Amino acid sequence: MLNTLKNRFEQGYRTSTYPKKTVELAPRYRGRPQVHKNAPSDLVVKCAAACPQDAIDIDRKLINMGRCVFCGTCERISEGRFISFTRDFEYSVAEKDHLLTDGEIPSLADHARQHFKKLFGRSLQLRQVSAAGCNACEADLNVLATPFFDLARFGINFVASPRHSDGIVVTGPISRNMKTALLQTYEAVPDPKVVIAVGSCSISGGPFRGSPEITEGLDSLLPVDLYIPGCPSHPLTNLHALLKFFK
């Protein structure tokens, strides 16, 4: 016991100060994309042709964050003249239409369901469903339970049973083999309930989009309340989305 207390004293307070204090991520981090609409049309076409996710709208010069896997191909090709990735990790949205953007993201708090804030503002229990995910989004959700992020301090927890939860957090492209399990999990959650799509796979199918083995978008199966883009989405992106939407 003395060694444990000594170790705790030596380590000090390690929990992140976010959201009380601003956090700046490493320069190599790719966050919210910023579209520069004054870019030459031929450069836009070149970026769109190289995009592996078909995430660029050539006519309107917009990027679909629901499809984007943040690979940075467009930024490299245009040398930042058309699309550049900022270090802003606060880019989740409550409406799917807001995923198609030039870089301006509506305030999530303004579009949050107010009755959810009233119901779950003090305590939110979530059941995570990996619907054929690669474990990247799952890992960045799991890390929220570590002492550094300490999700429980906000009254938010991941639980083992959907019957004990207020909603589900879905990751992965929702394969044909996982579809029934996902729907049964959703049905087991008592009303009122929330549905959160995390990562480009659950939002649009991600790199597997177009395959007959997956469902292209969770919203084609269930009513989605919160979209958290990324491949994977950063733990702070997940944390920001949950706090802004429910708190």
C-alpha atoms as a PDB file:
ATOM      1  CA  MET A   1       0.000   0.000   0.000  1.00  0.00           C
ATOM      2  CA  LEU A   2       2.818   2.397   0.862  1.00  0.00           C
ATOM      3  CA  ASN A   3       4.475   1.707  -2.487  1.00  0.00           C
ATOM      4  CA  THR A   4       1.184   2.384  -4.268  1.00  0.00           C
ATOM      5  CA  LEU A   5       0.721   5.707  -2.469  1.00  0.00           C
ATOM      6  CA  LYS A   6       4.362   6.630  -3.134  1.00  0.00           C
ATOM      7  CA  ASN A   7       3.949   5.855  -6.823  1.00  0.00           C
ATOM      8  CA  ARG A   8       0.735   7.883  -7.002  1.00  0.00           C
ATOM      9  CA  PHE A   9       2.412  10.846  -5.298  1.00  0.00           C
ATOM     10  CA  GLU A  10       5.377  10.703  -7.689  1.00  0.00           C
ATOM     11  CA  GLN A  11       3.196  10.569 -10.790  1.00  0.00           C
ATOM     12  CA  GLY A  12       0.987  13.451  -9.759  1.00  0.00           C
ATOM     13  CA  TYR A  13      -2.226  14.430 -11.527  1.00  0.00           C
ATOM     14  CA  ARG A  14      -2.252  12.925 -15.032  1.00  0.00           C
ATOM     15  CA  THR A  15      -5.857  13.443 -16.150  1.00  0.00           C
ATOM     16  CA  SER A  16      -6.352  15.702 -19.180  1.00  0.00           C
ATOM     17  CA  THR A  17      -7.466  19.254 -18.431  1.00  0.00           C
ATOM     18  CA  TYR A  18      -9.823  19.191 -21.426  1.00  0.00           C
ATOM     19  CA  PRO A  19     -12.434  20.689 -21.729  1.00  0.00           C
ATOM     20  CA  LYS A  20     -11.527  23.282 -19.090  1.00  0.00           C
ATOM     21  CA  LYS A  21      -8.355  24.131 -20.973  1.00  0.00           C
ATOM     22  CA  THR A  22      -7.618  24.128 -24.682  1.00  0.00           C
ATOM     23  CA  VAL A  23      -5.625  21.146 -25.930  1.00  0.00           C
ATOM     24  CA  GLU A  24      -3.329  21.428 -28.950  1.00  0.00           C
ATOM     25  CA  LEU A  25      -2.540  18.203 -30.773  1.00  0.00           C
ATOM     26  CA  ALA A  26       0.699  17.312 -32.567  1.00  0.00           C
ATOM     27  CA  PRO A  27       1.458  19.047 -35.900  1.00  0.00           C
ATOM     28  CA  ARG A  28       1.129  15.773 -37.813  1.00  0.00           C
ATOM     29  CA  TYR A  29      -2.461  15.297 -36.630  1.00  0.00           C
ATOM     30  CA  ARG A  30      -5.077  15.704 -39.380  1.00  0.00           C
ATOM     31  CA  GLY A  31      -8.261  17.210 -38.033  1.00  0.00           C
ATOM     32  CA  ARG A  32     -11.069  19.277 -39.552  1.00  0.00           C
ATOM     33  CA  PRO A  33     -10.435  19.777 -43.302  1.00  0.00           C
ATOM     34  CA  GLN A  34     -10.430  23.336 -44.621  1.00  0.00           C
ATOM     35  CA  VAL A  35     -11.428  23.906 -48.246  1.00  0.00           C
ATOM     36  CA  HIS A  36      -9.893  26.846 -50.123  1.00  0.00           C
ATOM     37  CA  LYS A  37     -12.520  27.682 -52.728  1.00  0.00           C
ATOM     38  CA  ASN A  38     -10.228  29.969 -54.713  1.00  0.00           C
ATOM     39  CA  ALA A  39      -8.226  26.927 -55.830  1.00  0.00           C
ATOM     40  CA  PRO A  40      -8.002  26.399 -59.630  1.00  0.00           C
ATOM     41  CA  SER A  41     -10.656  24.092 -61.040  1.00  0.00           C
ATOM     42  CA  ASP A  42      -8.107  21.778 -62.643  1.00  0.00           C
ATOM     43  CA  LEU A  43      -6.494  21.251 -59.225  1.00  0.00           C
ATOM     44  CA  VAL A  44      -9.882  20.432 -57.698  1.00  0.00           C
ATOM     45  CA  VAL A  45     -10.544  17.855 -60.430  1.00  0.00           C
ATOM     46  CA  LYS A  46      -7.112  16.331 -59.886  1.00  0.00           C
ATOM     47  CA  CYS A  47      -7.712  15.999 -56.138  1.00  0.00           C
ATOM     48  CA  ALA A  48     -11.170  14.519 -56.679  1.00  0.00           C
ATOM     49  CA  ALA A  49      -9.819  11.942 -59.115  1.00  0.00           C
ATOM     50  CA  ALA A  50      -7.164  10.853 -56.618  1.00  0.00           C
ATOM     51  CA  CYS A  51      -9.504  10.702 -53.612  1.00  0.00           C
ATOM     52  CA  PRO A  52      -9.933   7.012 -52.694  1.00  0.00           C
ATOM     53  CA  GLN A  53     -13.266   7.721 -51.039  1.00  0.00           C
ATOM     54  CA  ASP A  54     -14.898   9.928 -53.667  1.00  0.00           C
ATOM     55  CA  ALA A  55     -15.327  12.452 -50.867  1.00  0.00           C
ATOM     56  CA  ILE A  56     -14.853  15.636 -52.904  1.00  0.00           C
ATOM     57  CA  ASP A  57     -17.748  17.492 -54.542  1.00  0.00           C
ATOM     58  CA  ILE A  58     -16.152  19.107 -57.600  1.00  0.00           C
ATOM     59  CA  ASP A  59     -19.013  21.447 -58.533  1.00  0.00           C
ATOM     60  CA  ARG A  60     -19.490  22.990 -55.087  1.00  0.00           C
ATOM     61  CA  LYS A  61     -15.884  22.524 -53.919  1.00  0.00           C
ATOM     62  CA  LEU A  62     -16.891  20.734 -50.725  1.00  0.00           C
ATOM     63  CA  ILE A  63     -15.596  17.699 -48.867  1.00  0.00           C
ATOM     64  CA  ASN A  64     -17.738  14.961 -47.342  1.00  0.00           C
ATOM     65  CA  MET A  65     -16.310  14.240 -43.891  1.00  0.00           C
ATOM     66  CA  GLY A  66     -18.563  11.199 -43.616  1.00  0.00           C
ATOM     67  CA  ARG A  67     -16.655   9.557 -46.466  1.00  0.00           C
ATOM     68  CA  CYS A  68     -13.226  11.093 -45.840  1.00  0.00           C
ATOM     69  CA  VAL A  69     -10.660   8.848 -44.138  1.00  0.00           C
ATOM     70  CA  PHE A  70      -8.286  11.780 -43.537  1.00  0.00           C
ATOM     71  CA  CYS A  71      -5.544  10.162 -45.620  1.00  0.00           C
ATOM     72  CA  GLY A  72      -4.214  13.556 -46.703  1.00  0.00           C
ATOM     73  CA  THR A  73      -3.966  12.686 -50.415  1.00  0.00           C
ATOM     74  CA  CYS A  74      -5.821  15.841 -51.476  1.00  0.00           C
ATOM     75  CA  GLU A  75      -3.630  17.996 -49.267  1.00  0.00           C
ATOM     76  CA  ARG A  76      -0.437  16.493 -50.705  1.00  0.00           C
ATOM     77  CA  ILE A  77      -1.573  16.806 -54.322  1.00  0.00           C
ATOM     78  CA  SER A  78      -2.749  20.395 -53.948  1.00  0.00           C
ATOM     79  CA  GLU A  79       0.089  21.288 -51.559  1.00  0.00           C
ATOM     80  CA  GLY A  80      -2.560  22.769 -49.293  1.00  0.00           C
ATOM     81  CA  ARG A  81      -3.919  25.123 -51.958  1.00  0.00           C
ATOM     82  CA  PHE A  82      -7.271  23.329 -52.217  1.00  0.00           C
ATOM     83  CA  ILE A  83      -7.659  21.329 -49.016  1.00  0.00           C
ATOM     84  CA  SER A  84      -5.603  21.566 -45.872  1.00  0.00           C
ATOM     85  CA  PHE A  85      -6.147  19.693 -42.631  1.00  0.00           C
ATOM     86  CA  THR A  86      -6.236  21.725 -39.461  1.00  0.00           C
ATOM     87  CA  ARG A  87      -5.483  20.449 -35.956  1.00  0.00           C
ATOM     88  CA  ASP A  88      -9.055  21.121 -34.866  1.00  0.00           C
ATOM     89  CA  PHE A  89     -10.559  17.911 -33.437  1.00  0.00           C
ATOM     90  CA  GLU A  90     -13.997  19.407 -32.670  1.00  0.00           C
ATOM     91  CA  TYR A  91     -15.812  18.557 -35.884  1.00  0.00           C
ATOM     92  CA  SER A  92     -18.676  16.192 -34.991  1.00  0.00           C
ATOM     93  CA  VAL A  93     -22.193  17.001 -36.207  1.00  0.00           C
ATOM     94  CA  ALA A  94     -25.787  16.179 -35.337  1.00  0.00           C
ATOM     95  CA  GLU A  95     -27.128  16.384 -38.894  1.00  0.00           C
ATOM     96  CA  LYS A  96     -25.786  14.274 -41.753  1.00  0.00           C
ATOM     97  CA  ASP A  97     -26.086  17.194 -44.188  1.00  0.00           C
ATOM     98  CA  HIS A  98     -23.484  19.054 -42.124  1.00  0.00           C
ATOM     99  CA  LEU A  99     -20.865  16.436 -43.014  1.00  0.00           C
ATOM    100  CA  LEU A 100     -20.637  17.952 -46.508  1.00  0.00           C
ATOM    101  CA  THR A 101     -18.646  21.083 -45.752  1.00  0.00           C
ATOM    102  CA  ASP A 102     -16.091  23.651 -46.848  1.00  0.00           C
ATOM    103  CA  GLY A 103     -14.575  23.515 -43.391  1.00  0.00           C
ATOM    104  CA  GLU A 104     -17.196  25.485 -41.491  1.00  0.00           C
ATOM    105  CA  ILE A 105     -18.885  23.236 -38.921  1.00  0.00           C
ATOM    106  CA  PRO A 106     -22.129  24.325 -37.180  1.00  0.00           C
ATOM    107  CA  SER A 107     -21.952  24.411 -33.405  1.00  0.00           C
ATOM    108  CA  LEU A 108     -22.815  20.943 -32.161  1.00  0.00           C
ATOM    109  CA  ALA A 109     -24.321  22.313 -28.961  1.00  0.00           C
ATOM    110  CA  ASP A 110     -26.808  24.398 -30.969  1.00  0.00           C
ATOM    111  CA  HIS A 111     -28.036  21.326 -32.858  1.00  0.00           C
ATOM    112  CA  ALA A 112     -28.089  18.922 -29.921  1.00  0.00           C
ATOM    113  CA  ARG A 113     -31.408  17.394 -28.943  1.00  0.00           C
ATOM    114  CA  GLN A 114     -32.412  19.369 -25.877  1.00  0.00           C
ATOM    115  CA  HIS A 115     -34.503  16.545 -24.439  1.00  0.00           C
ATOM    116  CA  PHE A 116     -31.379  14.358 -24.479  1.00  0.00           C
ATOM    117  CA  LYS A 117     -29.533  16.960 -22.432  1.00  0.00           C
ATOM    118  CA  LYS A 118     -32.359  16.960 -19.928  1.00  0.00           C
ATOM    119  CA  LEU A 119     -32.531  13.166 -19.737  1.00  0.00           C
ATOM    120  CA  PHE A 120     -28.861  12.218 -19.929  1.00  0.00           C
ATOM    121  CA  GLY A 121     -27.006  15.349 -18.832  1.00  0.00           C
ATOM    122  CA  ARG A 122     -26.086  13.878 -15.454  1.00  0.00           C
ATOM    123  CA  SER A 123     -25.673  10.220 -16.376  1.00  0.00           C
ATOM    124  CA  LEU A 124     -25.198   8.584 -19.764  1.00  0.00           C
ATOM    125  CA  GLN A 125     -24.664   4.845 -20.182  1.00  0.00           C
ATOM    126  CA  LEU A 126     -23.643   3.577 -23.622  1.00  0.00           C
ATOM    127  CA  ARG A 127     -23.285   0.155 -25.229  1.00  0.00           C
ATOM    128  CA  GLN A 128     -20.574  -0.008 -27.875  1.00  0.00           C
ATOM    129  CA  VAL A 129     -21.192  -2.237 -30.899  1.00  0.00           C
ATOM    130  CA  SER A 130     -18.313  -3.163 -33.181  1.00  0.00           C
ATOM    131  CA  ALA A 131     -20.075  -4.072 -36.410  1.00  0.00           C
ATOM    132  CA  ALA A 132     -17.087  -5.609 -38.228  1.00  0.00           C
ATOM    133  CA  GLY A 133     -14.721  -2.784 -37.362  1.00  0.00           C
ATOM    134  CA  CYS A 134     -10.926  -2.977 -37.699  1.00  0.00           C
ATOM    135  CA  ASN A 135     -10.504  -2.081 -33.987  1.00  0.00           C
ATOM    136  CA  ALA A 136      -9.100   1.408 -34.641  1.00  0.00           C
ATOM    137  CA  CYS A 137     -12.261   3.314 -33.712  1.00  0.00           C
ATOM    138  CA  GLU A 138     -12.946   0.769 -30.987  1.00  0.00           C
ATOM    139  CA  ALA A 139      -9.508   1.350 -29.453  1.00  0.00           C
ATOM    140  CA  ASP A 140      -9.926   5.130 -29.459  1.00  0.00           C
ATOM    141  CA  LEU A 141     -13.272   4.748 -27.693  1.00  0.00           C
ATOM    142  CA  ASN A 142     -11.843   2.288 -25.196  1.00  0.00           C
ATOM    143  CA  VAL A 143      -9.024   4.645 -24.266  1.00  0.00           C
ATOM    144  CA  LEU A 144     -11.594   7.137 -22.922  1.00  0.00           C
ATOM    145  CA  ALA A 145     -11.878   4.928 -19.842  1.00  0.00           C
ATOM    146  CA  THR A 146      -8.187   5.352 -18.982  1.00  0.00           C
ATOM    147  CA  PRO A 147      -7.098   7.753 -16.195  1.00  0.00           C
ATOM    148  CA  PHE A 148      -5.873  10.305 -18.741  1.00  0.00           C
ATOM    149  CA  PHE A 149      -9.291  10.923 -20.310  1.00  0.00           C
ATOM    150  CA  ASP A 150     -11.398   9.587 -17.402  1.00  0.00           C
ATOM    151  CA  LEU A 151     -14.756   9.655 -19.176  1.00  0.00           C
ATOM    152  CA  ALA A 152     -16.538   8.575 -15.989  1.00  0.00           C
ATOM    153  CA  ARG A 153     -15.833  11.947 -14.341  1.00  0.00           C
ATOM    154  CA  PHE A 154     -18.476  13.395 -16.682  1.00  0.00           C
ATOM    155  CA  GLY A 155     -21.051  10.759 -15.756  1.00  0.00           C
ATOM    156  CA  ILE A 156     -20.571   8.844 -19.024  1.00  0.00           C
ATOM    157  CA  ASN A 157     -19.785   5.117 -19.032  1.00  0.00           C
ATOM    158  CA  PHE A 158     -19.710   2.161 -21.383  1.00  0.00           C
ATOM    159  CA  VAL A 159     -21.724  -0.770 -20.089  1.00  0.00           C
ATOM    160  CA  ALA A 160     -21.817  -4.479 -20.914  1.00  0.00           C
ATOM    161  CA  SER A 161     -25.545  -4.880 -21.499  1.00  0.00           C
ATOM    162  CA  PRO A 162     -27.781  -2.890 -23.857  1.00  0.00           C
ATOM    163  CA  ARG A 163     -30.575  -3.276 -21.295  1.00  0.00           C
ATOM    164  CA  HIS A 164     -28.544  -1.111 -18.921  1.00  0.00           C
ATOM    165  CA  SER A 165     -27.731   1.533 -21.514  1.00  0.00           C
ATOM    166  CA  ASP A 166     -29.240   4.756 -22.825  1.00  0.00           C
ATOM    167  CA  GLY A 167     -28.015   4.226 -26.362  1.00  0.00           C
ATOM    168  CA  ILE A 168     -25.529   2.529 -28.659  1.00  0.00           C
ATOM    169  CA  VAL A 169     -22.234   3.639 -30.180  1.00  0.00           C
ATOM    170  CA  VAL A 170     -21.656   1.895 -33.495  1.00  0.00           C
ATOM    171  CA  THR A 171     -18.289   1.410 -35.197  1.00  0.00           C
ATOM    172  CA  GLY A 172     -17.382  -0.550 -38.317  1.00  0.00           C
ATOM    173  CA  PRO A 173     -18.992  -0.874 -41.764  1.00  0.00           C
ATOM    174  CA  ILE A 174     -21.858  -3.060 -40.447  1.00  0.00           C
ATOM    175  CA  SER A 175     -21.241  -6.310 -42.257  1.00  0.00           C
ATOM    176  CA  ARG A 176     -24.036  -8.603 -43.349  1.00  0.00           C
ATOM    177  CA  ASN A 177     -23.127 -10.996 -40.529  1.00  0.00           C
ATOM    178  CA  MET A 178     -23.345  -8.244 -37.893  1.00  0.00           C
ATOM    179  CA  LYS A 179     -26.539  -6.591 -39.083  1.00  0.00           C
ATOM    180  CA  THR A 180     -28.921  -8.804 -37.092  1.00  0.00           C
ATOM    181  CA  ALA A 181     -26.834  -8.535 -33.921  1.00  0.00           C
ATOM    182  CA  LEU A 182     -26.776  -4.748 -34.230  1.00  0.00           C
ATOM    183  CA  LEU A 183     -30.539  -4.479 -34.698  1.00  0.00           C
ATOM    184  CA  GLN A 184     -31.170  -6.817 -31.758  1.00  0.00           C
ATOM    185  CA  THR A 185     -28.878  -4.713 -29.581  1.00  0.00           C
ATOM    186  CA  TYR A 186     -30.764  -1.578 -30.595  1.00  0.00           C
ATOM    187  CA  GLU A 187     -34.104  -3.194 -29.771  1.00  0.00           C
ATOM    188  CA  ALA A 188     -32.819  -4.237 -26.345  1.00  0.00           C
ATOM    189  CA  VAL A 189     -32.040  -0.626 -25.359  1.00  0.00           C
ATOM    190  CA  PRO A 190     -34.990   0.894 -23.481  1.00  0.00           C
ATOM    191  CA  ASP A 191     -36.657   4.033 -24.847  1.00  0.00           C
ATOM    192  CA  PRO A 192     -35.781   6.845 -25.151  1.00  0.00           C
ATOM    193  CA  LYS A 193     -32.457   5.908 -26.713  1.00  0.00           C
ATOM    194  CA  VAL A 194     -29.698   7.468 -28.755  1.00  0.00           C
ATOM    195  CA  VAL A 195     -27.655   6.189 -31.683  1.00  0.00           C
ATOM    196  CA  ILE A 196     -24.108   7.404 -32.320  1.00  0.00           C
ATOM    197  CA  ALA A 197     -22.125   6.614 -35.479  1.00  0.00           C
ATOM    198  CA  VAL A 198     -18.360   6.716 -34.986  1.00  0.00           C
ATOM    199  CA  GLY A 199     -15.911   6.625 -37.884  1.00  0.00           C
ATOM    200  CA  SER A 200     -16.287   6.799 -41.641  1.00  0.00           C
ATOM    201  CA  CYS A 201     -17.115   3.081 -41.830  1.00  0.00           C
ATOM    202  CA  SER A 202     -20.301   3.358 -39.791  1.00  0.00           C
ATOM    203  CA  ILE A 203     -21.265   6.672 -41.416  1.00  0.00           C
ATOM    204  CA  SER A 204     -20.751   5.762 -45.077  1.00  0.00           C
ATOM    205  CA  GLY A 205     -19.071   2.365 -45.362  1.00  0.00           C
ATOM    206  CA  GLY A 206     -15.564   3.813 -45.312  1.00  0.00           C
ATOM    207  CA  PRO A 207     -12.994   2.007 -47.476  1.00  0.00           C
ATOM    208  CA  PHE A 208     -15.522  -0.805 -47.957  1.00  0.00           C
ATOM    209  CA  ARG A 209     -18.142   1.451 -49.559  1.00  0.00           C
ATOM    210  CA  GLY A 210     -19.732  -0.255 -52.537  1.00  0.00           C
ATOM    211  CA  SER A 211     -19.258  -3.778 -51.227  1.00  0.00           C
ATOM    212  CA  PRO A 212     -22.399  -5.967 -51.132  1.00  0.00           C
ATOM    213  CA  GLU A 213     -21.184  -7.386 -47.815  1.00  0.00           C
ATOM    214  CA  ILE A 214     -21.706  -4.175 -45.838  1.00  0.00           C
ATOM    215  CA  THR A 215     -24.371  -1.578 -45.093  1.00  0.00           C
ATOM    216  CA  GLU A 216     -23.465   1.827 -46.522  1.00  0.00           C
ATOM    217  CA  GLY A 217     -24.350   4.028 -43.612  1.00  0.00           C
ATOM    218  CA  LEU A 218     -25.846   3.318 -40.218  1.00  0.00           C
ATOM    219  CA  ASP A 219     -28.620   5.824 -40.927  1.00  0.00           C
ATOM    220  CA  SER A 220     -30.030   3.443 -43.542  1.00  0.00           C
ATOM    221  CA  LEU A 221     -30.846   1.056 -40.678  1.00  0.00           C
ATOM    222  CA  LEU A 222     -31.397   3.219 -37.616  1.00  0.00           C
ATOM    223  CA  PRO A 223     -32.119   6.873 -36.793  1.00  0.00           C
ATOM    224  CA  VAL A 224     -28.694   8.372 -36.047  1.00  0.00           C
ATOM    225  CA  ASP A 225     -28.492  11.235 -33.533  1.00  0.00           C
ATOM    226  CA  LEU A 226     -24.766  12.003 -33.588  1.00  0.00           C
ATOM    227  CA  TYR A 227     -22.091  11.612 -36.288  1.00  0.00           C
ATOM    228  CA  ILE A 228     -18.414  11.476 -35.288  1.00  0.00           C
ATOM    229  CA  PRO A 229     -16.244  11.375 -38.459  1.00  0.00           C
ATOM    230  CA  GLY A 230     -12.697  10.047 -38.649  1.00  0.00           C
ATOM    231  CA  CYS A 231     -10.632   7.007 -39.521  1.00  0.00           C
ATOM    232  CA  PRO A 232     -10.339   6.585 -36.635  1.00  0.00           C
ATOM    233  CA  SER A 233     -11.778   9.564 -34.783  1.00  0.00           C
ATOM    234  CA  HIS A 234      -9.387  10.908 -32.135  1.00  0.00           C
ATOM    235  CA  PRO A 235     -10.320  10.218 -28.478  1.00  0.00           C
ATOM    236  CA  LEU A 236     -10.682  13.967 -27.955  1.00  0.00           C
ATOM    237  CA  THR A 237     -13.047  14.142 -30.934  1.00  0.00           C
ATOM    238  CA  ASN A 238     -15.184  11.467 -29.286  1.00  0.00           C
ATOM    239  CA  LEU A 239     -15.021  13.208 -25.922  1.00  0.00           C
ATOM    240  CA  HIS A 240     -15.912  16.615 -27.373  1.00  0.00           C
ATOM    241  CA  ALA A 241     -18.896  15.152 -29.240  1.00  0.00           C
ATOM    242  CA  LEU A 242     -20.315  13.414 -26.173  1.00  0.00           C
ATOM    243  CA  LEU A 243     -19.889  16.451 -23.939  1.00  0.00           C
ATOM    244  CA  LYS A 244     -21.264  19.003 -26.400  1.00  0.00           C
ATOM    245  CA  PHE A 245     -24.211  16.871 -27.437  1.00  0.00           C
ATOM    246  CA  PHE A 246     -25.323  15.637 -24.033  1.00  0.00           C
ATOM    247  CA  LYS A 247     -23.942  18.024 -21.417  1.00  0.00           C
END
